[in-house]
């Protein structure tokens, strides 16, 4: 009887440790060291963000804490829009063009327009957009090396720009943790 309890505890701890934490920052194969480490951290944050929302039903996906807040679905879309912006900013040295603005601007800015527009879609709709943007980020970053990370666009280095994307995700991860505990 005791052996089964100990075994269950060990299995639970092992599964928790391996599925809820990466436990190391390690560049994936095919990336330079610094860029690979950034990808490792970005992906770890994305996985943790997804954990907070993956099981939300429609009510949870559209949940608003108050009349000025943003829903979990809109926040995920916002994360994707921000990352898409930094793709064009760091790889092409520009802001969004007219077509990209139509696609991303509401999600980038959030607010009342987003509250009205981003609802009645399942959480997977938003996660798929996030996945698509991350896939492109990884493809783009794979073409660059650590020397590129040191170059600047405007007044920021590419490394700082992608650190900011990561920091931005971490901030919204905390927001999503708070919101999902209130649903």
C-alpha atoms as a PDB file:
ATOM      1  CA  UNK A   1       0.000   0.000   0.000  1.00  0.00           C
ATOM      2  CA  UNK A   2       2.792   2.441   0.952  1.00  0.00           C
ATOM      3  CA  UNK A   3       4.814   1.562  -2.156  1.00  0.00           C
ATOM      4  CA  UNK A   4       1.868   2.485  -4.396  1.00  0.00           C
ATOM      5  CA  UNK A   5       1.506   5.845  -2.645  1.00  0.00           C
ATOM      6  CA  UNK A   6       5.210   6.597  -2.983  1.00  0.00           C
ATOM      7  CA  UNK A   7       5.184   5.492  -6.623  1.00  0.00           C
ATOM      8  CA  UNK A   8       2.155   7.687  -7.362  1.00  0.00           C
ATOM      9  CA  UNK A   9       3.854  10.642  -5.675  1.00  0.00           C
ATOM     10  CA  UNK A  10       7.054  10.077  -7.663  1.00  0.00           C
ATOM     11  CA  UNK A  11       5.162   9.801 -10.953  1.00  0.00           C
ATOM     12  CA  UNK A  12       3.163  12.952 -10.165  1.00  0.00           C
ATOM     13  CA  UNK A  13       6.302  14.925  -9.310  1.00  0.00           C
ATOM     14  CA  UNK A  14       8.137  13.639 -12.396  1.00  0.00           C
ATOM     15  CA  UNK A  15       5.266  14.472 -14.754  1.00  0.00           C
ATOM     16  CA  UNK A  16       4.858  17.909 -13.159  1.00  0.00           C
ATOM     17  CA  UNK A  17       8.545  18.693 -13.435  1.00  0.00           C
ATOM     18  CA  UNK A  18       8.808  17.584 -17.050  1.00  0.00           C
ATOM     19  CA  UNK A  19       5.541  19.002 -18.322  1.00  0.00           C
ATOM     20  CA  UNK A  20       5.346  22.291 -16.430  1.00  0.00           C
ATOM     21  CA  UNK A  21       8.916  23.460 -16.678  1.00  0.00           C
ATOM     22  CA  UNK A  22      11.625  23.302 -19.229  1.00  0.00           C
ATOM     23  CA  UNK A  23      14.168  23.274 -16.398  1.00  0.00           C
ATOM     24  CA  UNK A  24      16.902  24.720 -18.592  1.00  0.00           C
ATOM     25  CA  UNK A  25      17.527  27.353 -21.201  1.00  0.00           C
ATOM     26  CA  UNK A  26      19.082  25.579 -24.131  1.00  0.00           C
ATOM     27  CA  UNK A  27      19.299  26.682 -27.758  1.00  0.00           C
ATOM     28  CA  UNK A  28      17.327  24.376 -30.038  1.00  0.00           C
ATOM     29  CA  UNK A  29      19.231  22.681 -32.846  1.00  0.00           C
ATOM     30  CA  UNK A  30      19.857  24.932 -35.836  1.00  0.00           C
ATOM     31  CA  UNK A  31      20.010  28.249 -33.968  1.00  0.00           C
ATOM     32  CA  UNK A  32      22.990  30.299 -32.873  1.00  0.00           C
ATOM     33  CA  UNK A  33      23.570  30.345 -29.111  1.00  0.00           C
ATOM     34  CA  UNK A  34      22.000  33.675 -28.116  1.00  0.00           C
ATOM     35  CA  UNK A  35      19.127  33.484 -30.576  1.00  0.00           C
ATOM     36  CA  UNK A  36      18.531  29.857 -29.627  1.00  0.00           C
ATOM     37  CA  UNK A  37      18.414  30.770 -25.956  1.00  0.00           C
ATOM     38  CA  UNK A  38      15.868  33.488 -26.759  1.00  0.00           C
ATOM     39  CA  UNK A  39      13.755  30.950 -28.672  1.00  0.00           C
ATOM     40  CA  UNK A  40      14.000  28.578 -25.720  1.00  0.00           C
ATOM     41  CA  UNK A  41      12.731  31.286 -23.348  1.00  0.00           C
ATOM     42  CA  UNK A  42      10.014  32.526 -25.742  1.00  0.00           C
ATOM     43  CA  UNK A  43       8.707  28.995 -26.237  1.00  0.00           C
ATOM     44  CA  UNK A  44       8.768  28.288 -22.518  1.00  0.00           C
ATOM     45  CA  UNK A  45       6.713  31.412 -21.847  1.00  0.00           C
ATOM     46  CA  UNK A  46       4.297  30.575 -24.656  1.00  0.00           C
ATOM     47  CA  UNK A  47       3.734  27.106 -23.190  1.00  0.00           C
ATOM     48  CA  UNK A  48       3.016  28.606 -19.779  1.00  0.00           C
ATOM     49  CA  UNK A  49       0.647  31.209 -21.259  1.00  0.00           C
ATOM     50  CA  UNK A  50      -1.195  28.437 -23.086  1.00  0.00           C
ATOM     51  CA  UNK A  51      -1.526  26.386 -19.911  1.00  0.00           C
ATOM     52  CA  UNK A  52      -3.629  29.129 -18.340  1.00  0.00           C
ATOM     53  CA  UNK A  53      -6.110  29.294 -21.196  1.00  0.00           C
ATOM     54  CA  UNK A  54      -6.125  25.979 -23.094  1.00  0.00           C
ATOM     55  CA  UNK A  55      -9.160  24.582 -21.269  1.00  0.00           C
ATOM     56  CA  UNK A  56     -11.295  27.719 -21.314  1.00  0.00           C
ATOM     57  CA  UNK A  57     -14.817  27.334 -22.595  1.00  0.00           C
ATOM     58  CA  UNK A  58     -16.462  30.121 -24.600  1.00  0.00           C
ATOM     59  CA  UNK A  59     -17.558  31.992 -21.483  1.00  0.00           C
ATOM     60  CA  UNK A  60     -14.003  31.883 -20.122  1.00  0.00           C
ATOM     61  CA  UNK A  61     -12.449  32.860 -23.454  1.00  0.00           C
ATOM     62  CA  UNK A  62     -14.674  35.964 -23.604  1.00  0.00           C
ATOM     63  CA  UNK A  63     -14.586  36.735 -19.859  1.00  0.00           C
ATOM     64  CA  UNK A  64     -14.123  40.380 -18.854  1.00  0.00           C
ATOM     65  CA  UNK A  65     -13.164  41.333 -15.304  1.00  0.00           C
ATOM     66  CA  UNK A  66     -14.834  44.712 -15.806  1.00  0.00           C
ATOM     67  CA  UNK A  67     -16.020  47.031 -18.578  1.00  0.00           C
ATOM     68  CA  UNK A  68     -12.450  48.212 -19.329  1.00  0.00           C
ATOM     69  CA  UNK A  69     -10.616  44.888 -19.311  1.00  0.00           C
ATOM     70  CA  UNK A  70      -9.650  42.543 -22.130  1.00  0.00           C
ATOM     71  CA  UNK A  71     -10.707  38.931 -22.510  1.00  0.00           C
ATOM     72  CA  UNK A  72      -8.239  36.033 -22.435  1.00  0.00           C
ATOM     73  CA  UNK A  73      -8.872  35.484 -26.153  1.00  0.00           C
ATOM     74  CA  UNK A  74      -8.104  39.127 -26.956  1.00  0.00           C
ATOM     75  CA  UNK A  75      -4.937  39.019 -24.844  1.00  0.00           C
ATOM     76  CA  UNK A  76      -3.658  35.973 -26.747  1.00  0.00           C
ATOM     77  CA  UNK A  77      -4.401  37.774 -30.023  1.00  0.00           C
ATOM     78  CA  UNK A  78      -2.556  40.807 -28.629  1.00  0.00           C
ATOM     79  CA  UNK A  79       0.527  38.692 -27.883  1.00  0.00           C
ATOM     80  CA  UNK A  80       0.506  37.411 -31.464  1.00  0.00           C
ATOM     81  CA  UNK A  81       0.042  40.939 -32.868  1.00  0.00           C
ATOM     82  CA  UNK A  82       2.927  42.303 -30.823  1.00  0.00           C
ATOM     83  CA  UNK A  83       5.206  39.508 -31.945  1.00  0.00           C
ATOM     84  CA  UNK A  84       4.124  40.033 -35.578  1.00  0.00           C
ATOM     85  CA  UNK A  85       4.973  43.725 -35.212  1.00  0.00           C
ATOM     86  CA  UNK A  86       8.465  42.944 -33.942  1.00  0.00           C
ATOM     87  CA  UNK A  87       8.966  40.559 -36.853  1.00  0.00           C
ATOM     88  CA  UNK A  88       8.518  43.347 -39.415  1.00  0.00           C
ATOM     89  CA  UNK A  89      10.296  45.912 -37.239  1.00  0.00           C
ATOM     90  CA  UNK A  90      13.429  43.844 -36.646  1.00  0.00           C
ATOM     91  CA  UNK A  91      13.625  41.908 -39.912  1.00  0.00           C
ATOM     92  CA  UNK A  92      12.413  44.584 -42.316  1.00  0.00           C
ATOM     93  CA  UNK A  93      13.105  47.795 -40.399  1.00  0.00           C
ATOM     94  CA  UNK A  94       9.550  49.107 -40.675  1.00  0.00           C
ATOM     95  CA  UNK A  95       6.180  49.260 -38.989  1.00  0.00           C
ATOM     96  CA  UNK A  96       3.036  47.582 -40.219  1.00  0.00           C
ATOM     97  CA  UNK A  97       1.919  48.363 -43.767  1.00  0.00           C
ATOM     98  CA  UNK A  98      -1.762  49.092 -44.511  1.00  0.00           C
ATOM     99  CA  UNK A  99      -2.707  45.427 -44.959  1.00  0.00           C
ATOM    100  CA  UNK A 100      -0.907  44.381 -41.763  1.00  0.00           C
ATOM    101  CA  UNK A 101      -2.536  47.227 -39.852  1.00  0.00           C
ATOM    102  CA  UNK A 102      -5.978  45.972 -40.879  1.00  0.00           C
ATOM    103  CA  UNK A 103      -5.044  42.494 -39.686  1.00  0.00           C
ATOM    104  CA  UNK A 104      -3.281  43.378 -36.421  1.00  0.00           C
ATOM    105  CA  UNK A 105      -4.077  46.901 -35.233  1.00  0.00           C
ATOM    106  CA  UNK A 106      -7.156  46.106 -33.145  1.00  0.00           C
ATOM    107  CA  UNK A 107      -5.336  43.254 -31.397  1.00  0.00           C
ATOM    108  CA  UNK A 108      -2.236  45.394 -30.932  1.00  0.00           C
ATOM    109  CA  UNK A 109      -4.152  48.254 -29.296  1.00  0.00           C
ATOM    110  CA  UNK A 110      -6.931  46.269 -27.554  1.00  0.00           C
ATOM    111  CA  UNK A 111      -9.581  48.417 -25.805  1.00  0.00           C
ATOM    112  CA  UNK A 112     -13.249  48.871 -26.695  1.00  0.00           C
ATOM    113  CA  UNK A 113     -12.920  47.884 -30.349  1.00  0.00           C
ATOM    114  CA  UNK A 114     -11.211  44.624 -29.367  1.00  0.00           C
ATOM    115  CA  UNK A 115     -13.838  43.934 -26.683  1.00  0.00           C
ATOM    116  CA  UNK A 116     -16.522  44.201 -29.368  1.00  0.00           C
ATOM    117  CA  UNK A 117     -14.656  42.338 -32.104  1.00  0.00           C
ATOM    118  CA  UNK A 118     -12.846  39.537 -30.272  1.00  0.00           C
ATOM    119  CA  UNK A 119     -15.616  37.397 -28.893  1.00  0.00           C
ATOM    120  CA  UNK A 120     -17.614  34.323 -29.772  1.00  0.00           C
ATOM    121  CA  UNK A 121     -14.529  32.486 -31.038  1.00  0.00           C
ATOM    122  CA  UNK A 122     -13.076  29.469 -29.216  1.00  0.00           C
ATOM    123  CA  UNK A 123      -9.746  29.810 -27.431  1.00  0.00           C
ATOM    124  CA  UNK A 124      -8.171  27.569 -30.070  1.00  0.00           C
ATOM    125  CA  UNK A 125      -8.858  30.272 -32.688  1.00  0.00           C
ATOM    126  CA  UNK A 126      -6.546  32.636 -30.800  1.00  0.00           C
ATOM    127  CA  UNK A 127      -3.974  29.957 -29.984  1.00  0.00           C
ATOM    128  CA  UNK A 128      -3.755  29.008 -33.671  1.00  0.00           C
ATOM    129  CA  UNK A 129      -2.948  32.626 -34.559  1.00  0.00           C
ATOM    130  CA  UNK A 130      -0.313  32.691 -31.808  1.00  0.00           C
ATOM    131  CA  UNK A 131       1.160  29.403 -33.119  1.00  0.00           C
ATOM    132  CA  UNK A 132       1.311  30.738 -36.675  1.00  0.00           C
ATOM    133  CA  UNK A 133       3.131  33.896 -35.610  1.00  0.00           C
ATOM    134  CA  UNK A 134       5.594  31.972 -33.428  1.00  0.00           C
ATOM    135  CA  UNK A 135       6.337  29.565 -36.254  1.00  0.00           C
ATOM    136  CA  UNK A 136       7.252  32.520 -38.470  1.00  0.00           C
ATOM    137  CA  UNK A 137       9.359  34.089 -35.692  1.00  0.00           C
ATOM    138  CA  UNK A 138      11.346  30.885 -35.353  1.00  0.00           C
ATOM    139  CA  UNK A 139      11.832  30.600 -39.118  1.00  0.00           C
ATOM    140  CA  UNK A 140      13.044  34.212 -39.319  1.00  0.00           C
ATOM    141  CA  UNK A 141      15.348  33.976 -36.308  1.00  0.00           C
ATOM    142  CA  UNK A 142      16.854  30.755 -37.644  1.00  0.00           C
ATOM    143  CA  UNK A 143      18.231  32.771 -40.590  1.00  0.00           C
ATOM    144  CA  UNK A 144      20.202  35.073 -38.268  1.00  0.00           C
ATOM    145  CA  UNK A 145      23.224  34.693 -36.048  1.00  0.00           C
ATOM    146  CA  UNK A 146      24.323  36.199 -32.771  1.00  0.00           C
ATOM    147  CA  UNK A 147      26.082  39.091 -34.553  1.00  0.00           C
ATOM    148  CA  UNK A 148      22.696  40.181 -35.924  1.00  0.00           C
ATOM    149  CA  UNK A 149      21.358  40.243 -32.358  1.00  0.00           C
ATOM    150  CA  UNK A 150      23.903  42.996 -31.589  1.00  0.00           C
ATOM    151  CA  UNK A 151      22.844  45.219 -34.501  1.00  0.00           C
ATOM    152  CA  UNK A 152      20.382  48.034 -33.992  1.00  0.00           C
ATOM    153  CA  UNK A 153      17.129  49.115 -35.485  1.00  0.00           C
ATOM    154  CA  UNK A 154      16.301  52.627 -34.395  1.00  0.00           C
ATOM    155  CA  UNK A 155      17.638  53.014 -30.876  1.00  0.00           C
ATOM    156  CA  UNK A 156      17.356  49.375 -29.788  1.00  0.00           C
ATOM    157  CA  UNK A 157      19.409  46.286 -30.447  1.00  0.00           C
ATOM    158  CA  UNK A 158      17.693  43.283 -32.002  1.00  0.00           C
ATOM    159  CA  UNK A 159      18.435  41.359 -28.812  1.00  0.00           C
ATOM    160  CA  UNK A 160      16.659  43.973 -26.711  1.00  0.00           C
ATOM    161  CA  UNK A 161      13.711  44.013 -29.121  1.00  0.00           C
ATOM    162  CA  UNK A 162      13.186  40.261 -28.754  1.00  0.00           C
ATOM    163  CA  UNK A 163      13.822  40.458 -25.013  1.00  0.00           C
ATOM    164  CA  UNK A 164      10.968  42.980 -24.953  1.00  0.00           C
ATOM    165  CA  UNK A 165       8.694  40.516 -26.776  1.00  0.00           C
ATOM    166  CA  UNK A 166       9.549  37.948 -24.112  1.00  0.00           C
ATOM    167  CA  UNK A 167       9.042  40.440 -21.277  1.00  0.00           C
ATOM    168  CA  UNK A 168       5.702  41.470 -22.784  1.00  0.00           C
ATOM    169  CA  UNK A 169       4.549  37.852 -22.841  1.00  0.00           C
ATOM    170  CA  UNK A 170       5.594  37.376 -19.228  1.00  0.00           C
ATOM    171  CA  UNK A 171       3.570  40.415 -18.161  1.00  0.00           C
ATOM    172  CA  UNK A 172       0.457  39.158 -19.921  1.00  0.00           C
ATOM    173  CA  UNK A 173       1.048  35.656 -18.566  1.00  0.00           C
ATOM    174  CA  UNK A 174       0.613  37.137 -15.081  1.00  0.00           C
ATOM    175  CA  UNK A 175      -2.503  38.951 -16.225  1.00  0.00           C
ATOM    176  CA  UNK A 176      -3.944  35.725 -17.654  1.00  0.00           C
ATOM    177  CA  UNK A 177      -3.147  33.873 -14.413  1.00  0.00           C
ATOM    178  CA  UNK A 178      -5.081  36.507 -12.481  1.00  0.00           C
ATOM    179  CA  UNK A 179      -8.027  36.513 -14.892  1.00  0.00           C
ATOM    180  CA  UNK A 180      -8.368  32.747 -15.114  1.00  0.00           C
ATOM    181  CA  UNK A 181      -8.448  32.495 -11.324  1.00  0.00           C
ATOM    182  CA  UNK A 182     -11.417  34.884 -11.372  1.00  0.00           C
ATOM    183  CA  UNK A 183     -13.467  32.941 -13.927  1.00  0.00           C
END
